[in-house]
Amino acid sequence: EQEWAASMLSQMKRVKKDMLLDVGVFNRLVNINAIATDNIDWLLFKYRQHNEGVLRYFSNRENLLTMSINDGWKPLCDFLNVQVPSLPFPHLNVSYRPVLL
């Protein structure tokens, strides 16, 4: 969760403030004050609140998959009842910058 919050905060800082007001998707997930104060605790609170709401909504259903990106194709393909592709599971960490020596 801490890694997600730090990544989210970094991404939110890249988005213009006026895009976050009123209709922005970030505004529904978090409060604009979290950006101004670097309040990772607030981001984590909203993250957990959102996840709890999703789990509550799907609590009596069988059509929710929870997985980690690190799990790769198998849980997703099993859920969709399709074969696992031979291609590597796509993952791009755009915040990662390799150090060149």
C-alpha atoms as a PDB file:
ATOM      1  CA  GLU A   1       0.000   0.000   0.000  1.00  0.00           C
ATOM      2  CA  GLN A   2       2.796   2.437   0.805  1.00  0.00           C
ATOM      3  CA  GLU A   3       4.327   1.891  -2.619  1.00  0.00           C
ATOM      4  CA  TRP A   4       0.948   2.499  -4.285  1.00  0.00           C
ATOM      5  CA  ALA A   5       0.391   5.698  -2.286  1.00  0.00           C
ATOM      6  CA  ALA A   6       3.829   7.095  -3.137  1.00  0.00           C
ATOM      7  CA  SER A   7       3.300   6.282  -6.822  1.00  0.00           C
ATOM      8  CA  MET A   8      -0.192   7.795  -6.801  1.00  0.00           C
ATOM      9  CA  LEU A   9       1.036  10.967  -5.116  1.00  0.00           C
ATOM     10  CA  SER A  10       3.816  11.297  -7.684  1.00  0.00           C
ATOM     11  CA  GLN A  11       1.344  10.838 -10.540  1.00  0.00           C
ATOM     12  CA  MET A  12      -1.138  13.288  -9.052  1.00  0.00           C
ATOM     13  CA  LYS A  13       1.546  15.950  -8.768  1.00  0.00           C
ATOM     14  CA  ARG A  14       2.113  15.636 -12.522  1.00  0.00           C
ATOM     15  CA  VAL A  15      -1.530  16.385 -13.286  1.00  0.00           C
ATOM     16  CA  LYS A  16      -2.530  20.028 -13.478  1.00  0.00           C
ATOM     17  CA  LYS A  17      -4.474  21.188 -10.440  1.00  0.00           C
ATOM     18  CA  ASP A  18      -7.403  22.451 -12.524  1.00  0.00           C
ATOM     19  CA  MET A  19      -7.876  18.942 -13.955  1.00  0.00           C
ATOM     20  CA  LEU A  20      -8.346  17.589 -10.440  1.00  0.00           C
ATOM     21  CA  LEU A  21     -11.153  19.945  -9.515  1.00  0.00           C
ATOM     22  CA  ASP A  22     -14.839  19.076  -9.897  1.00  0.00           C
ATOM     23  CA  VAL A  23     -14.788  16.343 -12.542  1.00  0.00           C
ATOM     24  CA  GLY A  24     -11.322  14.830 -12.363  1.00  0.00           C
ATOM     25  CA  VAL A  25     -11.096  11.115 -11.719  1.00  0.00           C
ATOM     26  CA  PHE A  26      -8.507  11.697  -9.006  1.00  0.00           C
ATOM     27  CA  ASN A  27     -10.889  14.007  -7.183  1.00  0.00           C
ATOM     28  CA  ARG A  28     -13.367  11.171  -6.724  1.00  0.00           C
ATOM     29  CA  LEU A  29     -10.701   8.924  -5.249  1.00  0.00           C
ATOM     30  CA  VAL A  30      -8.829  11.424  -3.116  1.00  0.00           C
ATOM     31  CA  ASN A  31      -9.110  14.944  -1.783  1.00  0.00           C
ATOM     32  CA  ILE A  32      -7.145  17.726  -3.500  1.00  0.00           C
ATOM     33  CA  ASN A  33      -5.618  18.564  -0.086  1.00  0.00           C
ATOM     34  CA  ALA A  34      -3.666  15.311  -0.194  1.00  0.00           C
ATOM     35  CA  ILE A  35      -1.573  16.731  -3.021  1.00  0.00           C
ATOM     36  CA  ALA A  36      -0.847  20.010  -1.295  1.00  0.00           C
ATOM     37  CA  THR A  37       0.225  18.353   1.945  1.00  0.00           C
ATOM     38  CA  ASP A  38       1.827  15.124   0.635  1.00  0.00           C
ATOM     39  CA  ASN A  39      -0.571  13.315   2.929  1.00  0.00           C
ATOM     40  CA  ILE A  40       0.137   9.660   2.182  1.00  0.00           C
ATOM     41  CA  ASP A  41      -2.012   8.641   5.167  1.00  0.00           C
ATOM     42  CA  TRP A  42      -5.016  10.292   3.471  1.00  0.00           C
ATOM     43  CA  LEU A  43      -4.279   8.519   0.194  1.00  0.00           C
ATOM     44  CA  LEU A  44      -4.060   5.192   2.012  1.00  0.00           C
ATOM     45  CA  PHE A  45      -7.325   5.903   3.828  1.00  0.00           C
ATOM     46  CA  LYS A  46      -9.107   6.634   0.524  1.00  0.00           C
ATOM     47  CA  TYR A  47      -7.476   3.607  -1.129  1.00  0.00           C
ATOM     48  CA  ARG A  48      -8.685   1.300   1.637  1.00  0.00           C
ATOM     49  CA  GLN A  49     -12.114   2.928   1.698  1.00  0.00           C
ATOM     50  CA  HIS A  50     -12.475   2.386  -2.058  1.00  0.00           C
ATOM     51  CA  ASN A  51     -11.305  -1.240  -1.884  1.00  0.00           C
ATOM     52  CA  GLU A  52     -13.667  -1.998   1.001  1.00  0.00           C
ATOM     53  CA  GLY A  53     -16.557  -0.541  -1.006  1.00  0.00           C
ATOM     54  CA  VAL A  54     -15.687  -2.689  -4.034  1.00  0.00           C
ATOM     55  CA  LEU A  55     -15.404  -5.837  -1.904  1.00  0.00           C
ATOM     56  CA  ARG A  56     -18.719  -5.032  -0.208  1.00  0.00           C
ATOM     57  CA  TYR A  57     -20.412  -4.505  -3.587  1.00  0.00           C
ATOM     58  CA  PHE A  58     -19.152  -7.843  -4.902  1.00  0.00           C
ATOM     59  CA  SER A  59     -19.531  -9.767  -1.630  1.00  0.00           C
ATOM     60  CA  ASN A  60     -22.436 -11.911  -2.888  1.00  0.00           C
ATOM     61  CA  ARG A  61     -21.190 -12.253  -6.458  1.00  0.00           C
ATOM     62  CA  GLU A  62     -18.693 -14.427  -8.233  1.00  0.00           C
ATOM     63  CA  ASN A  63     -17.566 -11.951 -10.877  1.00  0.00           C
ATOM     64  CA  LEU A  64     -14.727 -10.148  -9.088  1.00  0.00           C
ATOM     65  CA  LEU A  65     -11.095 -11.045  -9.552  1.00  0.00           C
ATOM     66  CA  THR A  66      -8.560  -9.779  -7.057  1.00  0.00           C
ATOM     67  CA  MET A  67      -4.966 -10.346  -8.025  1.00  0.00           C
ATOM     68  CA  SER A  68      -1.539  -8.827  -7.925  1.00  0.00           C
ATOM     69  CA  ILE A  69       0.163  -7.799 -11.136  1.00  0.00           C
ATOM     70  CA  ASN A  70       3.045  -9.954  -9.897  1.00  0.00           C
ATOM     71  CA  ASP A  71       0.782 -13.029 -10.249  1.00  0.00           C
ATOM     72  CA  GLY A  72       1.075 -12.857 -14.036  1.00  0.00           C
ATOM     73  CA  TRP A  73      -1.391 -14.271 -16.533  1.00  0.00           C
ATOM     74  CA  LYS A  74      -2.647 -17.382 -14.722  1.00  0.00           C
ATOM     75  CA  PRO A  75      -5.228 -15.927 -12.294  1.00  0.00           C
ATOM     76  CA  LEU A  76      -6.600 -13.604 -14.979  1.00  0.00           C
ATOM     77  CA  CYS A  77      -6.808 -16.305 -17.617  1.00  0.00           C
ATOM     78  CA  ASP A  78      -8.353 -18.786 -15.162  1.00  0.00           C
ATOM     79  CA  PHE A  79     -10.956 -16.170 -14.233  1.00  0.00           C
ATOM     80  CA  LEU A  80     -11.753 -15.515 -17.906  1.00  0.00           C
ATOM     81  CA  ASN A  81     -11.558 -19.212 -18.741  1.00  0.00           C
ATOM     82  CA  VAL A  82      -9.015 -18.672 -21.516  1.00  0.00           C
ATOM     83  CA  GLN A  83      -5.568 -20.091 -22.202  1.00  0.00           C
ATOM     84  CA  VAL A  84      -2.491 -18.420 -20.778  1.00  0.00           C
ATOM     85  CA  PRO A  85      -0.660 -16.641 -23.609  1.00  0.00           C
ATOM     86  CA  SER A  86       2.971 -17.392 -24.336  1.00  0.00           C
ATOM     87  CA  LEU A  87       3.818 -13.686 -24.183  1.00  0.00           C
ATOM     88  CA  PRO A  88       5.184 -12.204 -20.952  1.00  0.00           C
ATOM     89  CA  PHE A  89       2.623 -10.468 -18.764  1.00  0.00           C
ATOM     90  CA  PRO A  90       2.706  -6.749 -19.686  1.00  0.00           C
ATOM     91  CA  HIS A  91       4.107  -4.438 -17.055  1.00  0.00           C
ATOM     92  CA  LEU A  92       5.608  -1.039 -17.532  1.00  0.00           C
ATOM     93  CA  ASN A  93       6.939   0.964 -14.644  1.00  0.00           C
ATOM     94  CA  VAL A  94       7.050   4.435 -16.121  1.00  0.00           C
ATOM     95  CA  SER A  95       8.400   5.935 -12.903  1.00  0.00           C
ATOM     96  CA  TYR A  96      11.456   3.678 -13.066  1.00  0.00           C
ATOM     97  CA  ARG A  97      14.515   5.343 -14.519  1.00  0.00           C
ATOM     98  CA  PRO A  98      17.532   3.062 -15.013  1.00  0.00           C
ATOM     99  CA  VAL A  99      20.889   4.356 -13.901  1.00  0.00           C
ATOM    100  CA  LEU A 100      23.408   4.380 -16.689  1.00  0.00           C
ATOM    101  CA  LEU A 101      26.999   3.781 -15.635  1.00  0.00           C
END
